[in-house]
């Protein structure tokens, strides 16, 4: 849930930070326009990780569409040193 506050409220930053908890972001505005977003650090790290993952998946998808090499389940398991499904 987004909470919107003017940036001038940063003079009382404890009040602003109290609105930031898991699932809530605070949008700080300047002259009525969104300028900054304050978010819980754990949520930020998770979001960055997900963006990297999605970018990687998009690159893999693009590579496969362009005729890139694919691997069977057995090849992947062997390469990772995992037991085959049949075992």
Protein backbone atom coordinates (compact mmCIF):
# COMPACT_ATOMS: atom_id res chain seq x y z
CA UNK A 1 0.00 0.00 0.00
CA UNK A 2 1.39 3.39 -0.96
CA UNK A 3 1.33 6.19 1.58
CA UNK A 4 1.89 9.64 0.08
CA UNK A 5 3.47 12.46 2.07
CA UNK A 6 5.07 15.75 1.13
CA UNK A 7 8.87 15.75 1.40
CA UNK A 8 8.59 18.57 3.94
CA UNK A 9 7.42 15.94 6.45
CA UNK A 10 10.99 14.60 6.57
CA UNK A 11 11.64 17.15 9.28
CA UNK A 12 9.73 14.66 11.42
CA UNK A 13 11.34 11.57 9.86
CA UNK A 14 10.28 9.25 12.69
CA UNK A 15 6.66 9.84 11.70
CA UNK A 16 7.46 9.10 8.06
CA UNK A 17 9.49 5.98 8.88
CA UNK A 18 6.77 4.64 11.15
CA UNK A 19 4.55 4.43 8.07
CA UNK A 20 7.16 2.22 6.36
CA UNK A 21 6.64 -1.38 7.29
CA UNK A 22 6.37 -4.59 5.39
CA UNK A 23 3.94 -4.09 2.57
CA UNK A 24 3.85 -0.29 2.85
CA UNK A 25 5.87 2.19 0.88
CA UNK A 26 5.92 5.92 1.48
CA UNK A 27 5.96 8.16 -1.59
CA UNK A 28 7.57 11.50 -0.87
CA UNK A 29 6.36 14.28 -3.10
CA UNK A 30 7.97 17.54 -4.08
CA UNK A 31 5.67 20.25 -5.39
CA UNK A 32 2.90 17.65 -5.62
CA UNK A 33 4.89 15.23 -7.79
CA UNK A 34 6.24 11.88 -6.64
CA UNK A 35 9.99 12.28 -6.11
CA UNK A 36 11.19 9.48 -3.78
CA UNK A 37 9.91 6.20 -2.40
CA UNK A 38 10.88 4.91 1.05
CA UNK A 39 10.56 1.15 1.40
CA UNK A 40 11.60 -1.51 3.92
CA UNK A 41 15.18 -2.67 3.12
CA UNK A 42 14.19 -6.36 3.04
CA UNK A 43 11.43 -5.64 0.54
CA UNK A 44 13.87 -3.56 -1.55
CA UNK A 45 16.43 -6.39 -1.66
CA UNK A 46 13.74 -8.91 -2.59
CA UNK A 47 12.45 -6.62 -5.34
CA UNK A 48 15.95 -6.17 -6.77
CA UNK A 49 16.51 -9.93 -6.71
CA UNK A 50 13.25 -10.55 -8.52
CA UNK A 51 14.08 -7.97 -11.17
CA UNK A 52 17.47 -9.63 -11.78
CA UNK A 53 15.80 -13.04 -11.96
CA UNK A 54 13.19 -11.82 -14.44
CA UNK A 55 15.89 -10.16 -16.57
CA UNK A 56 17.83 -13.45 -16.59
CA UNK A 57 14.70 -15.39 -17.56
CA UNK A 58 13.99 -12.95 -20.37
CA UNK A 59 17.55 -13.36 -21.67
CA UNK A 60 17.22 -17.16 -21.56
CA UNK A 61 13.88 -16.99 -23.36
CA UNK A 62 15.36 -14.74 -26.03
CA UNK A 63 18.34 -17.06 -26.46
CA UNK A 64 16.06 -20.08 -26.85
CA UNK A 65 13.91 -18.26 -29.42
CA UNK A 66 17.05 -17.54 -31.41
CA UNK A 67 18.07 -21.20 -31.58
CA UNK A 68 20.17 -21.38 -28.43
CA UNK A 69 21.19 -24.71 -26.92
CA UNK A 70 18.66 -26.50 -24.73
CA UNK A 71 19.37 -29.26 -22.23
CA UNK A 72 17.44 -32.34 -21.17
CA UNK A 73 16.55 -32.94 -17.54
CA UNK A 74 19.21 -35.67 -17.37
CA UNK A 75 21.90 -33.36 -18.79
CA UNK A 76 21.11 -30.67 -16.24
CA UNK A 77 21.12 -33.14 -13.35
CA UNK A 78 24.43 -34.62 -14.51
CA UNK A 79 26.01 -31.20 -14.86
CA UNK A 80 24.87 -30.21 -11.37
CA UNK A 81 25.99 -33.52 -9.91
CA UNK A 82 22.46 -34.56 -8.92
CA UNK A 83 21.01 -38.03 -8.96
CA UNK A 84 18.89 -38.87 -11.96
CA UNK A 85 15.15 -39.18 -11.49
CA UNK A 86 15.27 -42.90 -12.33
CA UNK A 87 17.63 -43.67 -9.40
